[in-house]
Amino acid sequence: MEIDAAGLSVEQAYKLLTGIIVPRPIAWVTTLNASGRVNLAPFSAFTFVSHRPPMVAISVGVKASGMKDTGHNILATKEFVVNVADQSFLEAVNASSVEYPPEVSEVDTLGLATCAGTVVQTPRLADVPVSLECRLHSCIDFGEQPSRLMVGEVLRFHVRDGLLVNGKIRTAELDPICRLGGPLYATLGGIVTMPRRA
């Protein structure tokens, strides 16, 4: 089967790409709105883009109704926190994907604990295994129906005690949630160790 990308609608292309590019890590992003309420939303278009300085990126979609609250908040405050949830937060991650009005805090609605950021004003989630305090580095628009790639420089890493051993994250203990296409999520499943080739 061959598919002409030019003939796909936005929704068709989205479904195809999110079904192919799997599994995807989830950035559970906290931001602050103009009235100081904490916004929380999951993003599975998430990756790291640099390690010196450390930088991560999320892609924030722009719909006919406008950009998501997360995008507005990042552009206004120039900061955000990427939280990495483990399996115990699966239901809350899924529930936070609902588009609440800007004046509603998903953190409050879902009863999630937060704590103050160390170097940014935006709070982080208190009970997740990893949080990354970020300052906006750049925002780049892509596509005819824009997606905004928000790149943040990581200023502070928060890692649960015991999760970092000899400078490396213990992946099985991190137990991250993976995103698939449609309403599907996954666990890491089996982890295979392969020797490095010279």
N, C-alpha and C. Protein backbone atom coordinates (compact mmCIF):
# COMPACT_ATOMS: atom_id res chain seq x y z
N MET A 1 0.84 -1.19 0.00
CA MET A 1 0.00 0.00 0.00
C MET A 1 0.87 1.24 0.00
N GLU A 2 0.50 2.21 -0.80
CA GLU A 2 1.15 3.51 -0.81
C GLU A 2 0.11 4.58 -0.51
N ILE A 3 0.51 5.60 0.22
CA ILE A 3 -0.40 6.68 0.58
C ILE A 3 0.25 7.99 0.17
N ASP A 4 -0.48 8.77 -0.62
CA ASP A 4 0.00 10.08 -1.04
C ASP A 4 -0.25 11.06 0.10
N ALA A 5 0.80 11.56 0.71
CA ALA A 5 0.67 12.44 1.87
C ALA A 5 -0.11 13.71 1.52
N ALA A 6 0.04 14.19 0.29
CA ALA A 6 -0.63 15.43 -0.12
C ALA A 6 -2.15 15.28 -0.10
N GLY A 7 -2.65 14.06 -0.25
CA GLY A 7 -4.09 13.85 -0.27
C GLY A 7 -4.73 13.62 1.08
N LEU A 8 -3.93 13.62 2.14
CA LEU A 8 -4.45 13.36 3.48
C LEU A 8 -4.99 14.63 4.14
N SER A 9 -6.09 14.49 4.85
CA SER A 9 -6.57 15.60 5.67
C SER A 9 -5.67 15.71 6.89
N VAL A 10 -5.81 16.79 7.64
CA VAL A 10 -5.03 16.98 8.86
C VAL A 10 -5.28 15.81 9.82
N GLU A 11 -6.54 15.43 9.98
CA GLU A 11 -6.88 14.35 10.91
C GLU A 11 -6.32 13.02 10.44
N GLN A 12 -6.39 12.76 9.13
CA GLN A 12 -5.85 11.50 8.61
C GLN A 12 -4.34 11.41 8.80
N ALA A 13 -3.64 12.51 8.53
CA ALA A 13 -2.18 12.52 8.70
C ALA A 13 -1.82 12.33 10.18
N TYR A 14 -2.58 12.97 11.06
CA TYR A 14 -2.33 12.84 12.50
C TYR A 14 -2.49 11.39 12.93
N LYS A 15 -3.59 10.77 12.54
CA LYS A 15 -3.84 9.38 12.93
C LYS A 15 -2.76 8.44 12.40
N LEU A 16 -2.33 8.68 11.18
CA LEU A 16 -1.30 7.84 10.57
C LEU A 16 0.03 7.98 11.32
N LEU A 17 0.45 9.22 11.55
CA LEU A 17 1.73 9.45 12.20
C LEU A 17 1.74 8.94 13.65
N THR A 18 0.64 9.18 14.38
CA THR A 18 0.62 8.75 15.78
C THR A 18 0.48 7.24 15.92
N GLY A 19 0.04 6.58 14.86
CA GLY A 19 0.00 5.13 14.88
C GLY A 19 1.33 4.50 14.50
N ILE A 20 2.14 5.24 13.75
CA ILE A 20 3.43 4.73 13.29
C ILE A 20 4.55 5.04 14.30
N ILE A 21 4.56 6.26 14.82
CA ILE A 21 5.64 6.69 15.69
C ILE A 21 5.28 6.31 17.13
N VAL A 22 5.56 5.08 17.46
CA VAL A 22 5.20 4.52 18.77
C VAL A 22 6.35 3.67 19.32
N PRO A 23 6.44 3.52 20.62
CA PRO A 23 5.72 4.29 21.64
C PRO A 23 6.34 5.66 21.80
N ARG A 24 5.55 6.61 22.28
CA ARG A 24 6.06 7.97 22.49
C ARG A 24 6.05 8.28 23.98
N PRO A 25 7.10 8.92 24.48
CA PRO A 25 7.08 9.35 25.88
C PRO A 25 6.09 10.49 26.05
N ILE A 26 5.62 10.68 27.26
CA ILE A 26 4.65 11.74 27.54
C ILE A 26 5.27 12.80 28.43
N ALA A 27 5.23 14.05 27.95
CA ALA A 27 5.60 15.19 28.78
C ALA A 27 4.31 15.68 29.43
N TRP A 28 4.24 15.60 30.75
CA TRP A 28 3.06 16.08 31.49
C TRP A 28 3.42 17.47 31.96
N VAL A 29 2.97 18.48 31.25
CA VAL A 29 3.51 19.83 31.38
C VAL A 29 2.67 20.71 32.29
N THR A 30 3.33 21.32 33.28
CA THR A 30 2.69 22.33 34.10
C THR A 30 3.15 23.71 33.65
N THR A 31 2.17 24.64 33.62
CA THR A 31 2.44 26.04 33.31
C THR A 31 1.57 26.89 34.23
N LEU A 32 1.85 28.18 34.26
CA LEU A 32 1.04 29.13 35.03
C LEU A 32 0.32 30.06 34.08
N ASN A 33 -0.99 30.29 34.33
CA ASN A 33 -1.72 31.24 33.49
C ASN A 33 -1.61 32.64 34.11
N ALA A 34 -2.25 33.62 33.46
CA ALA A 34 -2.12 35.02 33.87
C ALA A 34 -2.62 35.25 35.29
N SER A 35 -3.58 34.45 35.76
CA SER A 35 -4.10 34.64 37.11
C SER A 35 -3.41 33.74 38.14
N GLY A 36 -2.34 33.08 37.72
CA GLY A 36 -1.55 32.28 38.67
C GLY A 36 -2.06 30.88 38.89
N ARG A 37 -3.05 30.43 38.08
CA ARG A 37 -3.54 29.05 38.21
C ARG A 37 -2.61 28.11 37.46
N VAL A 38 -2.49 26.88 37.99
CA VAL A 38 -1.61 25.90 37.36
C VAL A 38 -2.38 25.13 36.30
N ASN A 39 -1.86 25.15 35.09
CA ASN A 39 -2.42 24.38 33.98
C ASN A 39 -1.59 23.10 33.86
N LEU A 40 -2.26 22.01 33.50
CA LEU A 40 -1.57 20.72 33.34
C LEU A 40 -2.10 20.03 32.09
N ALA A 41 -1.20 19.60 31.22
CA ALA A 41 -1.62 18.90 30.00
C ALA A 41 -0.54 17.93 29.55
N PRO A 42 -0.96 16.78 28.97
CA PRO A 42 0.01 15.81 28.46
C PRO A 42 0.34 16.06 26.99
N PHE A 43 1.60 15.85 26.63
CA PHE A 43 2.05 16.00 25.25
C PHE A 43 2.91 14.79 24.89
N SER A 44 2.49 14.05 23.85
CA SER A 44 3.28 12.89 23.43
C SER A 44 4.17 13.22 22.24
N ALA A 45 4.09 14.45 21.73
CA ALA A 45 5.08 14.92 20.76
C ALA A 45 6.16 15.61 21.60
N PHE A 46 7.08 14.80 22.12
CA PHE A 46 8.03 15.24 23.14
C PHE A 46 9.35 14.53 22.93
N THR A 47 10.45 15.28 23.01
CA THR A 47 11.77 14.68 22.86
C THR A 47 12.83 15.62 23.44
N PHE A 48 14.08 15.13 23.50
CA PHE A 48 15.17 16.04 23.85
C PHE A 48 15.84 16.47 22.55
N VAL A 49 16.37 17.69 22.54
CA VAL A 49 16.97 18.21 21.32
C VAL A 49 18.44 18.60 21.50
N SER A 50 18.91 18.66 22.73
CA SER A 50 20.31 19.02 22.98
C SER A 50 20.69 18.50 24.37
N HIS A 51 21.95 18.18 24.54
CA HIS A 51 22.40 17.76 25.87
C HIS A 51 23.37 18.75 26.49
N ARG A 52 23.88 19.73 25.72
CA ARG A 52 24.73 20.78 26.29
C ARG A 52 24.42 22.09 25.62
N PRO A 53 23.63 22.96 26.19
CA PRO A 53 22.88 22.75 27.43
C PRO A 53 21.73 21.77 27.19
N PRO A 54 21.25 21.13 28.27
CA PRO A 54 20.14 20.20 28.08
C PRO A 54 18.87 20.94 27.64
N MET A 55 18.26 20.46 26.56
CA MET A 55 17.04 21.07 26.04
C MET A 55 16.06 19.99 25.66
N VAL A 56 14.78 20.27 25.90
CA VAL A 56 13.70 19.37 25.50
C VAL A 56 12.70 20.17 24.68
N ALA A 57 11.86 19.45 23.94
CA ALA A 57 10.87 20.13 23.10
C ALA A 57 9.53 19.41 23.16
N ILE A 58 8.46 20.20 23.12
CA ILE A 58 7.12 19.67 22.96
C ILE A 58 6.49 20.37 21.75
N SER A 59 5.59 19.68 21.08
CA SER A 59 4.87 20.29 19.97
C SER A 59 3.46 20.61 20.43
N VAL A 60 3.10 21.90 20.36
CA VAL A 60 1.79 22.37 20.81
C VAL A 60 0.95 22.68 19.59
N GLY A 61 -0.14 21.95 19.43
CA GLY A 61 -1.00 22.14 18.27
C GLY A 61 -1.79 23.43 18.33
N VAL A 62 -2.09 23.95 17.14
CA VAL A 62 -2.93 25.13 17.00
C VAL A 62 -4.15 24.72 16.19
N LYS A 63 -5.33 24.81 16.82
CA LYS A 63 -6.58 24.46 16.15
C LYS A 63 -7.28 25.72 15.67
N ALA A 64 -8.42 25.53 15.01
CA ALA A 64 -9.20 26.68 14.55
C ALA A 64 -9.58 27.58 15.71
N SER A 65 -9.81 26.99 16.88
CA SER A 65 -10.18 27.77 18.06
C SER A 65 -8.98 28.45 18.71
N GLY A 66 -7.79 28.14 18.23
CA GLY A 66 -6.59 28.78 18.76
C GLY A 66 -5.63 27.78 19.38
N MET A 67 -4.56 28.30 19.95
CA MET A 67 -3.53 27.48 20.56
C MET A 67 -3.98 26.99 21.93
N LYS A 68 -3.48 25.84 22.33
CA LYS A 68 -3.79 25.29 23.65
C LYS A 68 -3.29 26.23 24.75
N ASP A 69 -3.95 26.14 25.91
CA ASP A 69 -3.58 26.98 27.06
C ASP A 69 -2.10 26.86 27.38
N THR A 70 -1.56 25.65 27.29
CA THR A 70 -0.15 25.43 27.60
C THR A 70 0.73 26.35 26.76
N GLY A 71 0.45 26.41 25.46
CA GLY A 71 1.24 27.26 24.56
C GLY A 71 1.15 28.73 24.93
N HIS A 72 -0.07 29.21 25.19
CA HIS A 72 -0.26 30.62 25.61
C HIS A 72 0.54 30.91 26.87
N ASN A 73 0.46 30.00 27.83
CA ASN A 73 1.14 30.22 29.11
C ASN A 73 2.65 30.23 28.96
N ILE A 74 3.18 29.32 28.14
CA ILE A 74 4.64 29.28 27.94
C ILE A 74 5.12 30.56 27.27
N LEU A 75 4.40 31.02 26.26
CA LEU A 75 4.82 32.24 25.57
C LEU A 75 4.73 33.46 26.50
N ALA A 76 3.77 33.45 27.41
CA ALA A 76 3.60 34.59 28.32
C ALA A 76 4.64 34.60 29.44
N THR A 77 4.93 33.43 30.01
CA THR A 77 5.83 33.38 31.18
C THR A 77 7.26 33.00 30.83
N LYS A 78 7.43 32.41 29.64
CA LYS A 78 8.76 31.95 29.18
C LYS A 78 9.30 30.80 30.02
N GLU A 79 8.40 30.02 30.63
CA GLU A 79 8.85 28.87 31.42
C GLU A 79 7.77 27.81 31.48
N PHE A 80 8.21 26.58 31.81
CA PHE A 80 7.29 25.46 31.99
C PHE A 80 8.05 24.35 32.70
N VAL A 81 7.29 23.36 33.20
CA VAL A 81 7.90 22.21 33.84
C VAL A 81 7.40 20.96 33.14
N VAL A 82 8.32 20.12 32.70
CA VAL A 82 7.98 18.81 32.14
C VAL A 82 8.04 17.79 33.27
N ASN A 83 6.90 17.18 33.55
CA ASN A 83 6.82 16.13 34.56
C ASN A 83 6.72 14.79 33.85
N VAL A 84 7.41 13.79 34.33
CA VAL A 84 7.34 12.45 33.74
C VAL A 84 6.60 11.56 34.73
N ALA A 85 5.43 11.07 34.29
CA ALA A 85 4.57 10.27 35.16
C ALA A 85 4.90 8.79 35.03
N ASP A 86 4.71 8.06 36.13
CA ASP A 86 4.82 6.61 36.06
C ASP A 86 3.42 6.00 35.94
N GLN A 87 3.35 4.66 35.88
CA GLN A 87 2.10 3.97 35.62
C GLN A 87 1.00 4.30 36.63
N SER A 88 1.38 4.66 37.85
CA SER A 88 0.38 4.96 38.87
C SER A 88 -0.46 6.19 38.53
N PHE A 89 0.02 7.01 37.59
CA PHE A 89 -0.69 8.23 37.20
C PHE A 89 -1.46 8.11 35.89
N LEU A 90 -1.58 6.90 35.36
CA LEU A 90 -2.18 6.72 34.04
C LEU A 90 -3.55 7.37 33.92
N GLU A 91 -4.44 7.10 34.87
CA GLU A 91 -5.79 7.66 34.79
C GLU A 91 -5.76 9.18 34.86
N ALA A 92 -4.91 9.75 35.69
CA ALA A 92 -4.82 11.20 35.81
C ALA A 92 -4.24 11.83 34.55
N VAL A 93 -3.24 11.19 33.95
CA VAL A 93 -2.68 11.69 32.69
C VAL A 93 -3.77 11.73 31.62
N ASN A 94 -4.53 10.66 31.50
CA ASN A 94 -5.59 10.61 30.51
C ASN A 94 -6.67 11.66 30.80
N ALA A 95 -7.04 11.81 32.06
CA ALA A 95 -8.07 12.79 32.44
C ALA A 95 -7.61 14.22 32.17
N SER A 96 -6.31 14.47 32.28
CA SER A 96 -5.79 15.83 32.08
C SER A 96 -5.76 16.23 30.61
N SER A 97 -6.04 15.28 29.71
CA SER A 97 -6.05 15.61 28.29
C SER A 97 -7.35 16.30 27.87
N VAL A 98 -8.36 16.31 28.75
CA VAL A 98 -9.61 17.02 28.48
C VAL A 98 -9.31 18.51 28.38
N GLU A 99 -9.93 19.19 27.43
CA GLU A 99 -9.70 20.63 27.28
C GLU A 99 -10.60 21.40 28.22
N TYR A 100 -10.08 21.70 29.40
CA TYR A 100 -10.80 22.49 30.39
C TYR A 100 -10.71 23.96 30.01
N PRO A 101 -11.64 24.79 30.47
CA PRO A 101 -11.52 26.24 30.26
C PRO A 101 -10.24 26.76 30.93
N PRO A 102 -9.68 27.86 30.42
CA PRO A 102 -8.42 28.38 30.96
C PRO A 102 -8.45 28.67 32.45
N GLU A 103 -9.63 29.04 32.98
CA GLU A 103 -9.71 29.38 34.40
C GLU A 103 -9.78 28.17 35.32
N VAL A 104 -9.84 26.96 34.75
CA VAL A 104 -9.90 25.73 35.54
C VAL A 104 -8.51 25.12 35.63
N SER A 105 -8.07 24.82 36.85
CA SER A 105 -6.78 24.17 37.05
C SER A 105 -6.98 22.66 37.07
N GLU A 106 -6.36 21.98 36.12
CA GLU A 106 -6.44 20.52 36.06
C GLU A 106 -5.82 19.90 37.32
N VAL A 107 -4.80 20.54 37.84
CA VAL A 107 -4.14 20.04 39.06
C VAL A 107 -5.13 20.00 40.21
N ASP A 108 -5.90 21.08 40.37
CA ASP A 108 -6.91 21.13 41.44
C ASP A 108 -8.04 20.14 41.17
N THR A 109 -8.50 20.12 39.92
CA THR A 109 -9.61 19.24 39.55
C THR A 109 -9.27 17.77 39.80
N LEU A 110 -8.03 17.39 39.52
CA LEU A 110 -7.61 15.99 39.67
C LEU A 110 -7.02 15.70 41.06
N GLY A 111 -6.92 16.71 41.90
CA GLY A 111 -6.41 16.51 43.25
C GLY A 111 -4.95 16.13 43.32
N LEU A 112 -4.13 16.71 42.44
CA LEU A 112 -2.70 16.38 42.40
C LEU A 112 -1.90 17.37 43.24
N ALA A 113 -0.94 16.86 43.97
CA ALA A 113 -0.09 17.71 44.81
C ALA A 113 1.01 18.35 43.97
N THR A 114 1.32 19.60 44.29
CA THR A 114 2.41 20.31 43.62
C THR A 114 3.39 20.82 44.66
N CYS A 115 4.55 21.19 44.19
CA CYS A 115 5.50 21.89 45.06
C CYS A 115 6.18 22.97 44.21
N ALA A 116 6.71 23.97 44.89
CA ALA A 116 7.30 25.12 44.20
C ALA A 116 8.49 24.71 43.36
N GLY A 117 8.64 25.38 42.23
CA GLY A 117 9.84 25.20 41.44
C GLY A 117 11.03 25.80 42.18
N THR A 118 12.21 25.33 41.86
CA THR A 118 13.42 25.84 42.50
C THR A 118 13.92 27.09 41.79
N VAL A 119 13.88 27.07 40.44
CA VAL A 119 14.42 28.19 39.67
C VAL A 119 13.39 28.82 38.74
N VAL A 120 12.20 28.25 38.63
CA VAL A 120 11.12 28.86 37.86
C VAL A 120 9.92 29.06 38.78
N GLN A 121 9.02 29.97 38.40
CA GLN A 121 7.82 30.24 39.19
C GLN A 121 6.79 29.12 39.09
N THR A 122 6.82 28.38 37.98
CA THR A 122 5.84 27.32 37.74
C THR A 122 6.06 26.16 38.70
N PRO A 123 5.00 25.71 39.39
CA PRO A 123 5.13 24.55 40.27
C PRO A 123 5.33 23.26 39.47
N ARG A 124 5.90 22.27 40.11
CA ARG A 124 6.03 20.94 39.53
C ARG A 124 5.12 20.00 40.29
N LEU A 125 4.85 18.85 39.71
CA LEU A 125 4.04 17.84 40.39
C LEU A 125 4.91 17.18 41.46
N ALA A 126 4.38 17.04 42.65
CA ALA A 126 5.18 16.61 43.80
C ALA A 126 5.51 15.12 43.78
N ASP A 127 4.65 14.29 43.23
CA ASP A 127 4.78 12.85 43.42
C ASP A 127 5.26 12.06 42.20
N VAL A 128 5.57 12.74 41.11
CA VAL A 128 6.06 12.03 39.92
C VAL A 128 7.54 11.71 40.09
N PRO A 129 8.06 10.73 39.34
CA PRO A 129 9.47 10.36 39.52
C PRO A 129 10.48 11.38 39.00
N VAL A 130 10.09 12.17 37.98
CA VAL A 130 11.03 13.13 37.38
C VAL A 130 10.28 14.41 37.00
N SER A 131 10.93 15.54 37.24
CA SER A 131 10.43 16.83 36.76
C SER A 131 11.61 17.64 36.23
N LEU A 132 11.36 18.39 35.16
CA LEU A 132 12.39 19.21 34.54
C LEU A 132 11.91 20.65 34.51
N GLU A 133 12.58 21.52 35.23
CA GLU A 133 12.23 22.94 35.20
C GLU A 133 12.88 23.56 33.97
N CYS A 134 12.06 24.19 33.13
CA CYS A 134 12.54 24.68 31.84
C CYS A 134 12.27 26.17 31.63
N ARG A 135 13.21 26.81 30.93
CA ARG A 135 13.02 28.18 30.46
C ARG A 135 12.89 28.11 28.94
N LEU A 136 11.90 28.81 28.38
CA LEU A 136 11.69 28.78 26.94
C LEU A 136 12.93 29.28 26.21
N HIS A 137 13.42 28.49 25.29
CA HIS A 137 14.56 28.86 24.45
C HIS A 137 14.10 29.40 23.12
N SER A 138 13.15 28.69 22.49
CA SER A 138 12.64 29.13 21.19
C SER A 138 11.30 28.50 20.89
N CYS A 139 10.57 29.14 19.99
CA CYS A 139 9.28 28.64 19.53
C CYS A 139 9.28 28.72 18.01
N ILE A 140 9.09 27.58 17.37
CA ILE A 140 9.17 27.50 15.91
C ILE A 140 7.87 26.93 15.37
N ASP A 141 7.28 27.62 14.39
CA ASP A 141 6.05 27.14 13.77
C ASP A 141 6.37 26.20 12.62
N PHE A 142 5.60 25.11 12.53
CA PHE A 142 5.73 24.15 11.44
C PHE A 142 4.36 23.88 10.83
N GLY A 143 4.30 23.71 9.52
CA GLY A 143 3.10 23.24 8.85
C GLY A 143 2.10 24.32 8.48
N GLU A 144 1.15 23.90 7.61
CA GLU A 144 0.11 24.82 7.14
C GLU A 144 -0.92 25.06 8.24
N GLN A 145 -1.25 24.04 9.00
CA GLN A 145 -2.05 24.21 10.21
C GLN A 145 -1.04 24.12 11.33
N PRO A 146 -0.55 25.27 11.81
CA PRO A 146 0.68 25.28 12.60
C PRO A 146 0.67 24.40 13.84
N SER A 147 1.81 23.79 14.04
CA SER A 147 2.16 23.20 15.32
C SER A 147 3.36 24.01 15.77
N ARG A 148 3.35 24.39 17.02
CA ARG A 148 4.45 25.19 17.54
C ARG A 148 5.38 24.32 18.35
N LEU A 149 6.62 24.23 17.90
CA LEU A 149 7.63 23.48 18.64
C LEU A 149 8.21 24.39 19.70
N MET A 150 7.92 24.06 20.96
CA MET A 150 8.41 24.86 22.08
C MET A 150 9.64 24.15 22.65
N VAL A 151 10.78 24.81 22.53
CA VAL A 151 12.04 24.24 23.02
C VAL A 151 12.40 24.93 24.33
N GLY A 152 12.63 24.11 25.36
CA GLY A 152 12.97 24.66 26.65
C GLY A 152 14.34 24.18 27.11
N GLU A 153 15.11 25.10 27.66
CA GLU A 153 16.39 24.72 28.28
C GLU A 153 16.09 24.23 29.70
N VAL A 154 16.58 23.04 30.01
CA VAL A 154 16.36 22.47 31.34
C VAL A 154 17.33 23.15 32.32
N LEU A 155 16.74 23.81 33.30
CA LEU A 155 17.55 24.52 34.30
C LEU A 155 17.78 23.69 35.56
N ARG A 156 16.82 22.80 35.86
CA ARG A 156 16.92 21.99 37.07
C ARG A 156 16.22 20.66 36.85
N PHE A 157 16.92 19.57 37.20
CA PHE A 157 16.34 18.23 37.16
C PHE A 157 15.91 17.84 38.57
N HIS A 158 14.72 17.28 38.72
CA HIS A 158 14.27 16.70 39.99
C HIS A 158 14.06 15.22 39.73
N VAL A 159 14.82 14.37 40.42
CA VAL A 159 14.77 12.93 40.20
C VAL A 159 14.50 12.24 41.54
N ARG A 160 13.53 11.35 41.56
CA ARG A 160 13.19 10.63 42.79
C ARG A 160 14.42 9.90 43.33
N ASP A 161 14.59 9.93 44.64
CA ASP A 161 15.72 9.25 45.27
C ASP A 161 15.74 7.77 44.87
N GLY A 162 16.93 7.28 44.54
CA GLY A 162 17.11 5.88 44.16
C GLY A 162 16.91 5.59 42.70
N LEU A 163 16.42 6.57 41.94
CA LEU A 163 16.14 6.36 40.51
C LEU A 163 17.39 6.58 39.65
N LEU A 164 18.31 7.38 40.15
CA LEU A 164 19.54 7.68 39.42
C LEU A 164 20.69 6.91 40.07
N VAL A 165 21.32 6.02 39.30
CA VAL A 165 22.42 5.20 39.80
C VAL A 165 23.60 5.33 38.84
N ASN A 166 24.74 5.76 39.36
CA ASN A 166 25.95 5.96 38.55
C ASN A 166 25.67 6.85 37.34
N GLY A 167 24.87 7.88 37.54
CA GLY A 167 24.59 8.84 36.48
C GLY A 167 23.53 8.42 35.48
N LYS A 168 22.95 7.23 35.66
CA LYS A 168 21.95 6.73 34.71
C LYS A 168 20.62 6.48 35.41
N ILE A 169 19.55 6.80 34.70
CA ILE A 169 18.20 6.54 35.22
C ILE A 169 17.91 5.05 35.13
N ARG A 170 17.36 4.49 36.18
CA ARG A 170 16.95 3.08 36.19
C ARG A 170 15.57 3.01 35.50
N THR A 171 15.60 2.67 34.23
CA THR A 171 14.41 2.76 33.39
C THR A 171 13.24 1.94 33.91
N ALA A 172 13.49 0.72 34.34
CA ALA A 172 12.40 -0.13 34.82
C ALA A 172 11.73 0.50 36.04
N GLU A 173 12.52 1.12 36.91
CA GLU A 173 11.97 1.76 38.10
C GLU A 173 11.26 3.07 37.76
N LEU A 174 11.71 3.73 36.70
CA LEU A 174 11.01 4.93 36.22
C LEU A 174 9.59 4.58 35.81
N ASP A 175 9.42 3.43 35.15
CA ASP A 175 8.11 2.89 34.81
C ASP A 175 7.23 3.92 34.08
N PRO A 176 7.75 4.53 33.00
CA PRO A 176 7.02 5.61 32.35
C PRO A 176 5.80 5.11 31.57
N ILE A 177 4.87 6.02 31.36
CA ILE A 177 3.71 5.75 30.53
C ILE A 177 4.09 6.04 29.09
N CYS A 178 3.71 5.13 28.19
CA CYS A 178 3.99 5.30 26.77
C CYS A 178 2.68 5.56 26.03
N ARG A 179 2.72 6.41 25.02
CA ARG A 179 1.54 6.76 24.23
C ARG A 179 1.60 6.05 22.89
N LEU A 180 0.46 5.49 22.50
CA LEU A 180 0.32 4.87 21.18
C LEU A 180 -0.70 5.69 20.39
N GLY A 181 -1.24 5.15 19.32
CA GLY A 181 -2.26 5.86 18.55
C GLY A 181 -3.62 5.76 19.22
N GLY A 182 -4.51 6.72 18.91
CA GLY A 182 -5.87 6.68 19.43
C GLY A 182 -5.90 6.73 20.94
N PRO A 183 -6.79 5.94 21.57
CA PRO A 183 -6.91 5.96 23.03
C PRO A 183 -5.96 4.99 23.72
N LEU A 184 -4.90 4.58 23.05
CA LEU A 184 -4.05 3.50 23.55
C LEU A 184 -2.81 4.02 24.27
N TYR A 185 -2.53 3.39 25.40
CA TYR A 185 -1.32 3.63 26.17
C TYR A 185 -0.60 2.29 26.33
N ALA A 186 0.65 2.33 26.78
CA ALA A 186 1.39 1.08 26.97
C ALA A 186 2.39 1.23 28.10
N THR A 187 2.84 0.07 28.58
CA THR A 187 3.96 0.03 29.51
C THR A 187 5.22 -0.24 28.70
N LEU A 188 6.35 -0.22 29.36
CA LEU A 188 7.60 -0.50 28.65
C LEU A 188 7.65 -1.94 28.15
N GLY A 189 7.03 -2.86 28.89
CA GLY A 189 7.14 -4.27 28.50
C GLY A 189 8.55 -4.77 28.77
N GLY A 190 8.97 -5.75 27.98
CA GLY A 190 10.31 -6.31 28.16
C GLY A 190 11.40 -5.33 27.78
N ILE A 191 12.49 -5.34 28.53
CA ILE A 191 13.64 -4.49 28.24
C ILE A 191 14.80 -5.40 27.83
N VAL A 192 15.36 -5.15 26.69
CA VAL A 192 16.44 -5.98 26.15
C VAL A 192 17.76 -5.23 26.22
N THR A 193 18.78 -5.85 26.78
CA THR A 193 20.11 -5.27 26.82
C THR A 193 20.96 -5.85 25.70
N MET A 194 21.54 -4.97 24.90
CA MET A 194 22.40 -5.41 23.79
C MET A 194 23.79 -4.82 23.99
N PRO A 195 24.84 -5.61 23.70
CA PRO A 195 26.20 -5.07 23.85
C PRO A 195 26.47 -3.98 22.83
N ARG A 196 27.23 -2.97 23.23
CA ARG A 196 27.60 -1.91 22.28
C ARG A 196 28.63 -2.44 21.30
N ARG A 197 28.47 -2.07 20.05
CA ARG A 197 29.43 -2.48 19.02
C ARG A 197 30.43 -1.36 18.78
N ALA A 198 31.68 -1.73 18.61
CA ALA A 198 32.73 -0.73 18.42
C ALA A 198 32.62 -0.11 17.04
